C-alpha atoms as a PDB file:
ATOM      1  CA  MET A   1     -14.939 202.874  19.161  1.00  0.00           C
ATOM      2  CA  ARG A   2     -15.275 202.542  22.934  1.00  0.00           C
ATOM      3  CA  SER A   3     -12.558 201.700  25.450  1.00  0.00           C
ATOM      4  CA  GLY A   4     -12.235 200.845  29.109  1.00  0.00           C
ATOM      5  CA  ASN A   5      -9.463 200.290  31.639  1.00  0.00           C
ATOM      6  CA  VAL A   6      -8.715 197.724  34.308  1.00  0.00           C
ATOM      7  CA  LYS A   7      -7.332 198.772  37.674  1.00  0.00           C
ATOM      8  CA  ASP A   8      -4.321 196.477  37.933  1.00  0.00           C
ATOM      9  CA  GLY A   9      -2.172 194.379  35.626  1.00  0.00           C
ATOM     10  CA  SER A  10      -2.546 194.016  31.888  1.00  0.00           C
ATOM     11  CA  LEU A  11      -5.338 192.424  29.853  1.00  0.00           C
ATOM     12  CA  VAL A  12      -4.445 188.940  28.637  1.00  0.00           C
ATOM     13  CA  ALA A  13      -7.837 187.368  27.818  1.00  0.00           C
ATOM     14  CA  CYS A  14     -11.202 188.362  26.363  1.00  0.00           C
ATOM     15  CA  ALA A  15     -14.393 186.520  25.356  1.00  0.00           C
ATOM     16  CA  PHE A  16     -17.812 187.692  24.139  1.00  0.00           C
ATOM     17  CA  SER A  17     -21.103 186.123  25.164  1.00  0.00           C
ATOM     18  CA  PRO A  18     -22.960 184.411  22.289  1.00  0.00           C
ATOM     19  CA  ASN A  19     -25.740 187.021  22.360  1.00  0.00           C
ATOM     20  CA  GLY A  20     -23.240 189.884  22.226  1.00  0.00           C
ATOM     21  CA  ASN A  21     -24.725 191.635  25.260  1.00  0.00           C
ATOM     22  CA  PHE A  22     -21.593 191.399  27.393  1.00  0.00           C
ATOM     23  CA  PHE A  23     -18.010 190.228  27.341  1.00  0.00           C
ATOM     24  CA  VAL A  24     -15.458 189.110  29.915  1.00  0.00           C
ATOM     25  CA  THR A  25     -11.827 190.163  30.277  1.00  0.00           C
ATOM     26  CA  GLY A  26      -9.058 188.540  32.307  1.00  0.00           C
ATOM     27  CA  SER A  27      -6.004 190.351  33.616  1.00  0.00           C
ATOM     28  CA  SER A  28      -2.495 189.431  34.700  1.00  0.00           C
ATOM     29  CA  SER A  29      -3.463 190.501  38.225  1.00  0.00           C
ATOM     30  CA  GLY A  30      -5.992 187.658  38.371  1.00  0.00           C
ATOM     31  CA  ASP A  31      -9.247 189.614  37.913  1.00  0.00           C
ATOM     32  CA  LEU A  32     -12.218 188.640  35.764  1.00  0.00           C
ATOM     33  CA  THR A  33     -14.305 191.636  34.693  1.00  0.00           C
ATOM     34  CA  ILE A  34     -17.697 191.587  32.972  1.00  0.00           C
ATOM     35  CA  TRP A  35     -18.541 194.523  30.686  1.00  0.00           C
ATOM     36  CA  ASP A  36     -21.647 195.371  28.715  1.00  0.00           C
ATOM     37  CA  ASP A  37     -21.535 196.418  25.067  1.00  0.00           C
ATOM     38  CA  LYS A  38     -21.298 200.071  26.124  1.00  0.00           C
ATOM     39  CA  MET A  39     -18.050 199.382  28.035  1.00  0.00           C
ATOM     40  CA  ARG A  40     -19.660 199.740  31.455  1.00  0.00           C
ATOM     41  CA  CYS A  41     -18.075 197.562  34.122  1.00  0.00           C
ATOM     42  CA  LEU A  42     -20.833 195.282  35.455  1.00  0.00           C
ATOM     43  CA  TYR A  43     -18.946 192.893  37.700  1.00  0.00           C
ATOM     44  CA  ASN A  44     -15.426 192.173  38.928  1.00  0.00           C
ATOM     45  CA  GLU A  45     -14.103 189.032  40.584  1.00  0.00           C
ATOM     46  CA  LYS A  46     -10.662 187.996  41.833  1.00  0.00           C
ATOM     47  CA  ALA A  47     -10.341 184.587  40.187  1.00  0.00           C
ATOM     48  CA  HIS A  48      -6.704 183.441  39.955  1.00  0.00           C
ATOM     49  CA  ASP A  49      -3.988 184.427  42.423  1.00  0.00           C
ATOM     50  CA  LEU A  50      -1.136 184.381  39.906  1.00  0.00           C
ATOM     51  CA  GLY A  51      -3.006 185.907  36.977  1.00  0.00           C
ATOM     52  CA  VAL A  52      -5.545 184.887  34.342  1.00  0.00           C
ATOM     53  CA  THR A  53      -4.189 183.388  31.115  1.00  0.00           C
ATOM     54  CA  CYS A  54      -7.341 182.749  29.054  1.00  0.00           C
ATOM     55  CA  CYS A  55     -11.122 182.473  29.190  1.00  0.00           C
ATOM     56  CA  ASP A  56     -13.982 181.175  27.074  1.00  0.00           C
ATOM     57  CA  ILE A  57     -17.794 181.348  27.140  1.00  0.00           C
ATOM     58  CA  SER A  58     -19.945 178.478  25.928  1.00  0.00           C
ATOM     59  CA  SER A  59     -22.243 179.197  23.000  1.00  0.00           C
ATOM     60  CA  ASN A  60     -25.107 177.227  24.557  1.00  0.00           C
ATOM     61  CA  PRO A  61     -26.894 178.543  27.679  1.00  0.00           C
ATOM     62  CA  VAL A  62     -27.649 176.080  30.483  1.00  0.00           C
ATOM     63  CA  SER A  63     -30.416 175.839  33.069  1.00  0.00           C
ATOM     64  CA  VAL A  64     -29.662 175.738  36.788  1.00  0.00           C
ATOM     65  CA  LEU A  65     -31.898 173.396  38.783  1.00  0.00           C
ATOM     66  CA  SER A  66     -32.676 175.965  41.494  1.00  0.00           C
ATOM     67  CA  ASP A  67     -33.737 178.549  38.899  1.00  0.00           C
ATOM     68  CA  ILE A  68     -35.711 176.369  36.475  1.00  0.00           C
ATOM     69  CA  GLU A  69     -39.033 177.611  37.828  1.00  0.00           C
ATOM     70  CA  ASN A  70     -37.929 181.187  37.069  1.00  0.00           C
ATOM     71  CA  GLY A  71     -36.883 180.270  33.547  1.00  0.00           C
ATOM     72  CA  PHE A  72     -33.375 181.683  34.004  1.00  0.00           C
ATOM     73  CA  LYS A  73     -30.630 180.597  31.623  1.00  0.00           C
ATOM     74  CA  TYR A  74     -26.936 180.845  32.434  1.00  0.00           C
ATOM     75  CA  PHE A  75     -23.879 181.049  30.221  1.00  0.00           C
ATOM     76  CA  GLN A  76     -21.009 178.756  31.154  1.00  0.00           C
ATOM     77  CA  MET A  77     -17.594 180.383  31.384  1.00  0.00           C
ATOM     78  CA  ALA A  78     -14.162 178.892  31.961  1.00  0.00           C
ATOM     79  CA  SER A  79     -11.147 180.834  33.184  1.00  0.00           C
ATOM     80  CA  CYS A  80      -7.571 179.537  33.341  1.00  0.00           C
ATOM     81  CA  GLY A  81      -4.590 180.805  35.277  1.00  0.00           C
ATOM     82  CA  GLN A  82      -0.939 180.724  36.131  1.00  0.00           C
ATOM     83  CA  ASP A  83      -2.033 178.851  39.292  1.00  0.00           C
ATOM     84  CA  ASN A  84      -2.469 175.645  37.187  1.00  0.00           C
ATOM     85  CA  GLN A  85      -6.231 175.805  37.696  1.00  0.00           C
ATOM     86  CA  ILE A  86      -9.323 176.019  35.512  1.00  0.00           C
ATOM     87  CA  LYS A  87     -12.424 177.500  37.099  1.00  0.00           C
ATOM     88  CA  LEU A  88     -15.943 177.034  35.787  1.00  0.00           C
ATOM     89  CA  TRP A  89     -18.485 179.820  36.286  1.00  0.00           C
ATOM     90  CA  LEU A  90     -22.130 180.477  35.509  1.00  0.00           C
ATOM     91  CA  ILE A  91     -23.074 183.957  34.289  1.00  0.00           C
ATOM     92  CA  LEU A  92     -26.651 185.220  34.452  1.00  0.00           C
ATOM     93  CA  PHE A  93     -27.329 188.344  32.399  1.00  0.00           C
ATOM     94  CA  ALA A  94     -30.805 189.902  32.568  1.00  0.00           C
ATOM     95  CA  ASP A  95     -31.927 193.488  32.032  1.00  0.00           C
ATOM     96  CA  PHE A  96     -33.978 193.560  35.215  1.00  0.00           C
ATOM     97  CA  LEU A  97     -31.429 191.706  37.394  1.00  0.00           C
ATOM     98  CA  GLY A  98     -28.115 192.922  36.030  1.00  0.00           C
ATOM     99  CA  VAL A  99     -25.255 190.430  36.081  1.00  0.00           C
ATOM    100  CA  GLU A 100     -24.778 187.537  38.445  1.00  0.00           C
ATOM    101  CA  LEU A 101     -21.619 185.419  38.489  1.00  0.00           C
ATOM    102  CA  LYS A 102     -21.779 182.030  40.209  1.00  0.00           C
ATOM    103  CA  TYR A 103     -18.682 179.955  40.926  1.00  0.00           C
ATOM    104  CA  LYS A 104     -19.279 176.336  39.884  1.00  0.00           C
ATOM    105  CA  CYS A 105     -16.089 174.302  40.442  1.00  0.00           C
ATOM    106  CA  THR A 106     -12.310 174.129  40.015  1.00  0.00           C
ATOM    107  CA  LEU A 107     -10.594 171.667  37.680  1.00  0.00           C
ATOM    108  CA  ASN A 108      -7.153 170.655  38.948  1.00  0.00           C
ATOM    109  CA  GLY A 109      -5.936 168.289  36.230  1.00  0.00           C
ATOM    110  CA  HIS A 110      -2.865 170.269  35.126  1.00  0.00           C
ATOM    111  CA  SER A 111       0.494 170.464  36.897  1.00  0.00           C
ATOM    112  CA  ALA A 112       1.618 173.764  35.313  1.00  0.00           C
ATOM    113  CA  PRO A 113       0.044 177.037  34.102  1.00  0.00           C
ATOM    114  CA  VAL A 114      -2.938 176.564  31.775  1.00  0.00           C
ATOM    115  CA  LEU A 115      -2.533 178.526  28.528  1.00  0.00           C
ATOM    116  CA  ALA A 116      -5.687 177.738  26.541  1.00  0.00           C
ATOM    117  CA  CYS A 117      -9.248 176.512  26.915  1.00  0.00           C
ATOM    118  CA  ALA A 118     -12.317 176.089  24.698  1.00  0.00           C
ATOM    119  CA  PHE A 119     -15.858 174.759  25.034  1.00  0.00           C
ATOM    120  CA  SER A 120     -17.327 172.245  22.610  1.00  0.00           C
ATOM    121  CA  TYR A 121     -20.125 173.520  20.371  1.00  0.00           C
ATOM    122  CA  ASP A 122     -22.804 172.087  22.711  1.00  0.00           C
ATOM    123  CA  GLY A 123     -21.049 173.172  25.916  1.00  0.00           C
ATOM    124  CA  GLN A 124     -20.859 169.607  27.247  1.00  0.00           C
ATOM    125  CA  MET A 125     -17.076 169.412  27.069  1.00  0.00           C
ATOM    126  CA  LEU A 126     -14.167 171.736  27.808  1.00  0.00           C
ATOM    127  CA  VAL A 127     -10.654 171.251  26.439  1.00  0.00           C
ATOM    128  CA  SER A 128      -7.537 172.840  27.934  1.00  0.00           C
ATOM    129  CA  GLY A 129      -3.845 173.065  27.053  1.00  0.00           C
ATOM    130  CA  SER A 130      -0.991 173.693  29.453  1.00  0.00           C
ATOM    131  CA  VAL A 131       2.693 174.279  30.010  1.00  0.00           C
ATOM    132  CA  ASP A 132       2.791 170.667  31.255  1.00  0.00           C
ATOM    133  CA  LYS A 133       2.424 169.679  27.521  1.00  0.00           C
ATOM    134  CA  CYS A 134      -0.900 167.969  28.175  1.00  0.00           C
ATOM    135  CA  VAL A 135      -4.346 168.470  26.667  1.00  0.00           C
ATOM    136  CA  ILE A 136      -7.239 167.566  28.963  1.00  0.00           C
ATOM    137  CA  ILE A 137     -10.873 167.102  27.976  1.00  0.00           C
ATOM    138  CA  TYR A 138     -13.430 167.579  30.765  1.00  0.00           C
ATOM    139  CA  GLU A 139     -17.145 166.909  31.067  1.00  0.00           C
ATOM    140  CA  THR A 140     -18.583 170.270  32.114  1.00  0.00           C
ATOM    141  CA  SER A 141     -21.643 168.929  33.929  1.00  0.00           C
ATOM    142  CA  THR A 142     -19.566 166.906  36.396  1.00  0.00           C
ATOM    143  CA  GLY A 143     -16.042 168.330  36.103  1.00  0.00           C
ATOM    144  CA  ASN A 144     -14.741 164.812  35.434  1.00  0.00           C
ATOM    145  CA  THR A 145     -11.724 164.229  33.179  1.00  0.00           C
ATOM    146  CA  LEU A 146     -12.730 162.395  30.014  1.00  0.00           C
ATOM    147  CA  ARG A 147      -9.298 162.145  28.426  1.00  0.00           C
ATOM    148  CA  THR A 148      -5.719 163.345  28.832  1.00  0.00           C
ATOM    149  CA  LEU A 149      -3.644 163.670  25.645  1.00  0.00           C
ATOM    150  CA  SER A 150       0.129 163.926  25.855  1.00  0.00           C
ATOM    151  CA  GLN A 151       1.300 163.829  22.261  1.00  0.00           C
ATOM    152  CA  HIS A 152       2.816 167.321  22.212  1.00  0.00           C
ATOM    153  CA  THR A 153       6.467 167.647  23.214  1.00  0.00           C
ATOM    154  CA  ARG A 154       6.323 171.327  24.219  1.00  0.00           C
ATOM    155  CA  TYR A 155       3.729 173.395  26.047  1.00  0.00           C
ATOM    156  CA  VAL A 156       0.278 173.530  24.473  1.00  0.00           C
ATOM    157  CA  THR A 157      -0.653 177.093  23.529  1.00  0.00           C
ATOM    158  CA  THR A 158      -4.017 176.796  21.776  1.00  0.00           C
ATOM    159  CA  CYS A 159      -6.980 174.455  21.333  1.00  0.00           C
ATOM    160  CA  ALA A 160     -10.389 174.532  19.660  1.00  0.00           C
ATOM    161  CA  PHE A 161     -13.403 172.337  19.013  1.00  0.00           C
ATOM    162  CA  ALA A 162     -14.886 172.406  15.520  1.00  0.00           C
ATOM    163  CA  PRO A 163     -18.453 173.793  15.426  1.00  0.00           C
ATOM    164  CA  HIS A 164     -21.105 171.115  14.858  1.00  0.00           C
ATOM    165  CA  SER A 165     -18.497 168.413  14.354  1.00  0.00           C
ATOM    166  CA  HIS A 166     -16.532 165.920  16.442  1.00  0.00           C
ATOM    167  CA  LEU A 167     -13.087 167.335  15.682  1.00  0.00           C
ATOM    168  CA  LEU A 168     -10.603 168.884  18.091  1.00  0.00           C
ATOM    169  CA  ALA A 169      -7.452 170.841  17.153  1.00  0.00           C
ATOM    170  CA  THR A 170      -4.495 171.486  19.471  1.00  0.00           C
ATOM    171  CA  GLY A 171      -1.393 173.587  18.806  1.00  0.00           C
ATOM    172  CA  SER A 172       1.909 173.684  20.606  1.00  0.00           C
ATOM    173  CA  MET A 173       5.311 175.333  20.852  1.00  0.00           C
ATOM    174  CA  ASP A 174       6.646 172.107  19.309  1.00  0.00           C
ATOM    175  CA  LYS A 175       5.497 173.664  15.989  1.00  0.00           C
ATOM    176  CA  THR A 176       2.782 171.070  15.391  1.00  0.00           C
ATOM    177  CA  VAL A 177      -1.010 171.120  15.141  1.00  0.00           C
ATOM    178  CA  HIS A 178      -2.832 167.892  15.951  1.00  0.00           C
ATOM    179  CA  ILE A 179      -6.365 167.083  14.812  1.00  0.00           C
ATOM    180  CA  TRP A 180      -8.304 164.627  16.949  1.00  0.00           C
ATOM    181  CA  GLN A 181     -11.494 162.742  16.078  1.00  0.00           C
ATOM    182  CA  LEU A 182     -13.861 162.411  19.035  1.00  0.00           C
ATOM    183  CA  ASP A 183     -15.664 159.091  19.180  1.00  0.00           C
ATOM    184  CA  LEU A 184     -18.948 159.974  20.907  1.00  0.00           C
ATOM    185  CA  LYS A 185     -20.603 156.644  20.123  1.00  0.00           C
ATOM    186  CA  GLN A 186     -18.593 154.876  22.790  1.00  0.00           C
ATOM    187  CA  PRO A 187     -20.065 154.363  26.297  1.00  0.00           C
ATOM    188  CA  SER A 188     -17.687 156.996  27.671  1.00  0.00           C
ATOM    189  CA  ALA A 189     -18.282 160.232  25.762  1.00  0.00           C
ATOM    190  CA  GLY A 190     -15.161 161.952  24.629  1.00  0.00           C
ATOM    191  CA  ASN A 191     -13.077 158.909  23.778  1.00  0.00           C
ATOM    192  CA  ILE A 192     -10.361 159.740  21.286  1.00  0.00           C
ATOM    193  CA  VAL A 193      -9.825 157.618  18.214  1.00  0.00           C
ATOM    194  CA  GLU A 194      -6.284 158.808  17.610  1.00  0.00           C
ATOM    195  CA  THR A 195      -3.859 158.199  20.457  1.00  0.00           C
ATOM    196  CA  GLU A 196      -0.131 158.166  20.798  1.00  0.00           C
ATOM    197  CA  SER A 197       1.839 155.276  22.233  1.00  0.00           C
ATOM    198  CA  LYS A 198       4.710 156.517  24.324  1.00  0.00           C
ATOM    199  CA  VAL A 199       7.475 154.310  22.918  1.00  0.00           C
ATOM    200  CA  ALA A 200      10.900 154.657  24.501  1.00  0.00           C
ATOM    201  CA  VAL A 201      13.411 156.258  22.134  1.00  0.00           C
ATOM    202  CA  GLU A 202      15.684 153.215  22.171  1.00  0.00           C
ATOM    203  CA  ASP A 203      12.707 151.176  20.904  1.00  0.00           C
ATOM    204  CA  TRP A 204      11.909 153.536  18.032  1.00  0.00           C
ATOM    205  CA  SER A 205      11.538 152.024  14.584  1.00  0.00           C
ATOM    206  CA  GLU A 206      13.111 153.560  11.486  1.00  0.00           C
ATOM    207  CA  ASP A 207       9.754 155.228  10.766  1.00  0.00           C
ATOM    208  CA  ASP A 208       9.730 156.765  14.257  1.00  0.00           C
ATOM    209  CA  VAL A 209      13.195 158.180  13.613  1.00  0.00           C
ATOM    210  CA  SER A 210      11.988 159.575  10.274  1.00  0.00           C
ATOM    211  CA  ALA A 211       9.056 161.294  12.018  1.00  0.00           C
ATOM    212  CA  TRP A 212      11.444 162.748  14.602  1.00  0.00           C
ATOM    213  CA  LEU A 213      13.745 164.077  11.870  1.00  0.00           C
ATOM    214  CA  CYS A 214      10.803 165.825  10.194  1.00  0.00           C
ATOM    215  CA  ALA A 215       9.740 167.372  13.513  1.00  0.00           C
ATOM    216  CA  GLN A 216      13.272 168.747  13.998  1.00  0.00           C
ATOM    217  CA  ASP A 217      13.380 170.355  10.518  1.00  0.00           C
ATOM    218  CA  LEU A 218      15.799 167.651   9.365  1.00  0.00           C
ATOM    219  CA  ALA A 219      13.540 166.038   6.763  1.00  0.00           C
ATOM    220  CA  ASP A 220      16.327 166.132   4.146  1.00  0.00           C
ATOM    221  CA  PHE A 221      18.081 163.321   6.045  1.00  0.00           C
ATOM    222  CA  VAL A 222      15.147 160.892   6.177  1.00  0.00           C
ATOM    223  CA  GLY A 223      16.317 158.966   3.100  1.00  0.00           C
ATOM    224  CA  LEU A 224      19.919 158.803   4.308  1.00  0.00           C
ATOM    225  CA  PHE A 225      18.941 157.530   7.755  1.00  0.00           C
ATOM    226  CA  LYS A 226      16.584 154.916   6.264  1.00  0.00           C
ATOM    227  CA  MET A 227      19.283 153.741   3.840  1.00  0.00           C
ATOM    228  CA  ASN A 228      21.557 153.145   6.838  1.00  0.00           C
ATOM    229  CA  ASN A 229      18.802 151.503   8.917  1.00  0.00           C
ATOM    230  CA  ILE A 230      18.985 154.053  11.732  1.00  0.00           C
ATOM    231  CA  ASP A 231      16.455 153.105  14.408  1.00  0.00           C
ATOM    232  CA  GLY A 232      16.118 154.553  17.902  1.00  0.00           C
ATOM    233  CA  LYS A 233      19.035 152.657  19.399  1.00  0.00           C
ATOM    234  CA  GLU A 234      21.344 153.589  16.507  1.00  0.00           C
ATOM    235  CA  LEU A 235      20.179 157.208  16.712  1.00  0.00           C
ATOM    236  CA  LEU A 236      21.187 157.536  20.362  1.00  0.00           C
ATOM    237  CA  ASN A 237      24.617 156.042  19.598  1.00  0.00           C
ATOM    238  CA  LEU A 238      25.456 158.384  16.717  1.00  0.00           C
ATOM    239  CA  THR A 239      28.668 160.387  17.101  1.00  0.00           C
ATOM    240  CA  LYS A 240      30.282 163.162  15.089  1.00  0.00           C
ATOM    241  CA  GLU A 241      32.686 160.597  13.637  1.00  0.00           C
ATOM    242  CA  GLY A 242      29.802 158.341  12.625  1.00  0.00           C
ATOM    243  CA  LEU A 243      27.965 161.201  10.936  1.00  0.00           C
ATOM    244  CA  ALA A 244      31.090 162.161   8.987  1.00  0.00           C
ATOM    245  CA  ASN A 245      32.588 158.773   8.147  1.00  0.00           C
ATOM    246  CA  GLU A 246      29.607 156.400   7.957  1.00  0.00           C
ATOM    247  CA  LEU A 247      26.742 158.660   6.899  1.00  0.00           C
ATOM    248  CA  LYS A 248      29.041 160.897   4.840  1.00  0.00           C
ATOM    249  CA  ILE A 249      27.507 164.175   6.035  1.00  0.00           C
ATOM    250  CA  GLU A 250      30.152 166.664   4.941  1.00  0.00           C
ATOM    251  CA  SER A 251      28.762 169.881   6.410  1.00  0.00           C
ATOM    252  CA  LEU A 252      30.135 170.561   9.896  1.00  0.00           C
ATOM    253  CA  GLY A 253      27.156 172.797  10.625  1.00  0.00           C
ATOM    254  CA  LEU A 254      24.634 170.086   9.759  1.00  0.00           C
ATOM    255  CA  ARG A 255      26.539 167.477  11.793  1.00  0.00           C
ATOM    256  CA  SER A 256      26.524 169.839  14.765  1.00  0.00           C
ATOM    257  CA  LYS A 257      22.798 170.499  14.393  1.00  0.00           C
ATOM    258  CA  ILE A 258      21.969 166.774  14.292  1.00  0.00           C
ATOM    259  CA  LEU A 259      24.140 166.066  17.339  1.00  0.00           C
ATOM    260  CA  GLN A 260      22.549 168.958  19.208  1.00  0.00           C
ATOM    261  CA  LYS A 261      19.072 167.560  18.505  1.00  0.00           C
ATOM    262  CA  ILE A 262      20.165 164.083  19.611  1.00  0.00           C
ATOM    263  CA  GLU A 263      21.589 165.532  22.835  1.00  0.00           C
ATOM    264  CA  GLU A 264      18.289 167.333  23.476  1.00  0.00           C
ATOM    265  CA  LEU A 265      16.539 164.000  22.947  1.00  0.00           C
ATOM    266  CA  ARG A 266      18.816 162.344  25.518  1.00  0.00           C
ATOM    267  CA  MET A 267      18.075 165.161  27.983  1.00  0.00           C
ATOM    268  CA  THR A 268      14.351 164.669  27.453  1.00  0.00           C
ATOM    269  CA  MET A 269      14.731 160.942  28.129  1.00  0.00           C
ATOM    270  CA  ILE A 270      16.512 161.654  31.398  1.00  0.00           C
ATOM    271  CA  SER A 271      13.987 164.270  32.501  1.00  0.00           C
ATOM    272  CA  VAL A 272      11.122 161.835  31.822  1.00  0.00           C
ATOM    273  CA  SER A 273      12.654 158.798  33.525  1.00  0.00           C
ATOM    274  CA  VAL A 274      14.242 160.571  36.514  1.00  0.00           C
ATOM    275  CA  PRO A 275      12.659 163.276  38.691  1.00  0.00           C
ATOM    276  CA  VAL A 276      14.438 166.538  37.846  1.00  0.00           C
ATOM    277  CA  PRO A 277      15.378 168.874  40.708  1.00  0.00           C
ATOM    278  CA  ASP A 278      12.829 171.683  40.670  1.00  0.00           C
ATOM    279  CA  GLU A 279      15.504 174.372  40.516  1.00  0.00           C
ATOM    280  CA  PHE A 280      16.611 172.960  37.129  1.00  0.00           C
ATOM    281  CA  LEU A 281      13.141 173.434  35.611  1.00  0.00           C
ATOM    282  CA  CYS A 282      12.092 176.625  33.848  1.00  0.00           C
ATOM    283  CA  PRO A 283       9.191 178.195  35.810  1.00  0.00           C
ATOM    284  CA  ILE A 284       7.411 179.008  32.532  1.00  0.00           C
ATOM    285  CA  THR A 285       7.724 175.735  30.595  1.00  0.00           C
ATOM    286  CA  ARG A 286       8.455 173.347  33.494  1.00  0.00           C
ATOM    287  CA  GLU A 287      11.123 171.789  31.267  1.00  0.00           C
ATOM    288  CA  LEU A 288      14.779 171.139  32.001  1.00  0.00           C
ATOM    289  CA  MET A 289      16.684 174.322  31.200  1.00  0.00           C
ATOM    290  CA  LYS A 290      19.358 174.267  28.499  1.00  0.00           C
ATOM    291  CA  ASP A 291      20.289 177.952  28.477  1.00  0.00           C
ATOM    292  CA  PRO A 292      19.242 179.424  31.854  1.00  0.00           C
ATOM    293  CA  VAL A 293      19.156 183.196  32.225  1.00  0.00           C
ATOM    294  CA  ILE A 294      18.449 185.494  35.159  1.00  0.00           C
ATOM    295  CA  ALA A 295      15.666 188.039  34.676  1.00  0.00           C
ATOM    296  CA  ALA A 296      15.156 191.324  36.518  1.00  0.00           C
ATOM    297  CA  ASP A 297      12.932 189.588  39.096  1.00  0.00           C
ATOM    298  CA  GLY A 298      15.905 187.493  40.255  1.00  0.00           C
ATOM    299  CA  TYR A 299      14.489 184.193  38.992  1.00  0.00           C
ATOM    300  CA  SER A 300      16.097 181.954  36.375  1.00  0.00           C
ATOM    301  CA  TYR A 301      14.290 180.943  33.186  1.00  0.00           C
ATOM    302  CA  GLU A 302      15.007 179.156  29.911  1.00  0.00           C
ATOM    303  CA  ARG A 303      16.186 181.898  27.543  1.00  0.00           C
ATOM    304  CA  GLU A 304      13.808 180.974  24.705  1.00  0.00           C
ATOM    305  CA  ALA A 305      10.798 180.843  27.045  1.00  0.00           C
ATOM    306  CA  MET A 306      11.576 184.195  28.663  1.00  0.00           C
ATOM    307  CA  GLU A 307      12.253 185.876  25.326  1.00  0.00           C
ATOM    308  CA  HIS A 308       8.901 184.563  24.086  1.00  0.00           C
ATOM    309  CA  TRP A 309       7.250 185.885  27.266  1.00  0.00           C
ATOM    310  CA  ILE A 310       8.727 189.348  26.679  1.00  0.00           C
ATOM    311  CA  SER A 311       7.989 189.309  22.942  1.00  0.00           C
ATOM    312  CA  ASN A 312       4.280 189.028  23.771  1.00  0.00           C
ATOM    313  CA  LYS A 313       4.569 192.472  25.431  1.00  0.00           C
ATOM    314  CA  ARG A 314       4.389 191.029  28.904  1.00  0.00           C
ATOM    315  CA  ARG A 315       6.274 193.333  31.260  1.00  0.00           C
ATOM    316  CA  SER A 316       5.527 191.510  34.495  1.00  0.00           C
ATOM    317  CA  SER A 317       7.375 188.688  36.237  1.00  0.00           C
ATOM    318  CA  PRO A 318       6.068 185.175  35.443  1.00  0.00           C
ATOM    319  CA  MET A 319       6.729 184.286  39.081  1.00  0.00           C
ATOM    320  CA  THR A 320       5.604 187.317  41.090  1.00  0.00           C
ATOM    321  CA  ASN A 321       3.373 189.153  38.594  1.00  0.00           C
ATOM    322  CA  LEU A 322       5.178 192.373  39.584  1.00  0.00           C
ATOM    323  CA  PRO A 323       6.531 194.732  36.901  1.00  0.00           C
ATOM    324  CA  LEU A 324       9.927 193.914  35.390  1.00  0.00           C
ATOM    325  CA  HIS A 325      12.070 197.029  35.752  1.00  0.00           C
ATOM    326  CA  SER A 326      14.451 195.765  33.076  1.00  0.00           C
ATOM    327  CA  LEU A 327      14.194 193.348  30.147  1.00  0.00           C
ATOM    328  CA  MET A 328      17.868 192.384  30.362  1.00  0.00           C
ATOM    329  CA  LEU A 329      18.566 188.640  30.590  1.00  0.00           C
ATOM    330  CA  THR A 330      21.857 187.558  32.147  1.00  0.00           C
ATOM    331  CA  PRO A 331      23.279 184.064  31.485  1.00  0.00           C
ATOM    332  CA  ASN A 332      23.204 181.937  34.643  1.00  0.00           C
ATOM    333  CA  ARG A 333      26.441 180.038  34.052  1.00  0.00           C
ATOM    334  CA  THR A 334      26.529 178.611  37.575  1.00  0.00           C
ATOM    335  CA  LEU A 335      23.120 176.992  37.120  1.00  0.00           C
ATOM    336  CA  LYS A 336      24.034 175.753  33.647  1.00  0.00           C
ATOM    337  CA  MET A 337      27.152 174.042  35.041  1.00  0.00           C
ATOM    338  CA  ALA A 338      25.073 172.441  37.802  1.00  0.00           C
ATOM    339  CA  ILE A 339      22.564 171.108  35.259  1.00  0.00           C
ATOM    340  CA  THR A 340      25.396 169.759  33.070  1.00  0.00           C
ATOM    341  CA  ARG A 341      26.974 167.952  36.050  1.00  0.00           C
ATOM    342  CA  TRP A 342      23.600 166.486  37.019  1.00  0.00           C
ATOM    343  CA  LEU A 343      23.015 165.233  33.460  1.00  0.00           C
ATOM    344  CA  GLU A 344      26.456 163.639  33.332  1.00  0.00           C
ATOM    345  CA  THR A 345      25.731 161.877  36.616  1.00  0.00           C
ATOM    346  CA  GLN A 346      22.420 160.536  35.282  1.00  0.00           C
ATOM    347  CA  GLN A 347      24.022 159.288  32.062  1.00  0.00           C
ATOM    348  CA  LYS A 348      26.500 157.226  34.091  1.00  0.00           C
ATOM    349  CA  CYS A 349      23.738 155.555  36.104  1.00  0.00           C
END
């Protein structure tokens, strides 16, 4: 076993070249470092101001026009960061030249930190997932966006192309994995066969409500809701009395859980239709906070998001990238009251 150390931050990303001669690491301080298989540091580059989140190297080498006469082949690499950016690089590795890293371009399609990226098997496409809940597919030769997918309801944490096939998988904190079929026979490569229509909740059908119940771990109530013809409009109008007297749900705990999920749905509707004040959004998820807490860096975060951040052994601030001197999270009751008042105001509009 061999080991190496980075100067600053912690390691959060790693990817091997297809030939196994070198690999790249990304750190929370924003550095990309290239190592050979003997753990010798070959190259270091400051890539993302707020820290690297992930990286990937294409399995297919590419030729660069200016170097065709020399017969040089480059490996494509993508790096993603907390700065909302994806950067494309070209890596030349040759015994007689060492390592050369060429910056290619920056992809600015996301509006929040990018958590995952992956090249297609032929290197012609790159897919990324972000805290903004979107999946974006790019054409690597031009940097153009081929498709933006917004089916996930929480931030997208992982994505992958199938090798030698036209399938794409995306995973999210909404506890779902989506499989997409790429239709490459269309004039615009990268078209997606499966898409999601963004239907307003009040226009949901009974089947849409059933799908929502399953996503909220409430599948046991699908039959009951269908028997009572609960569509989107009826769902939003449900009350604790209606759940007890009309739907005959006896358990107080289950009634409370359903109402809590409906309230979260109402909050999501408001946050989508009305611009939310930035101070009400969690810096990690960019979602409206329900249970804001103050961390040691002085910033407020959604409790679940910050606990997940800490559980992944991250000991630096998501905002400043400086070390957190304490892992204590203090409820921000003042901010929670302000968010509640703002929501009540929006519901009256």
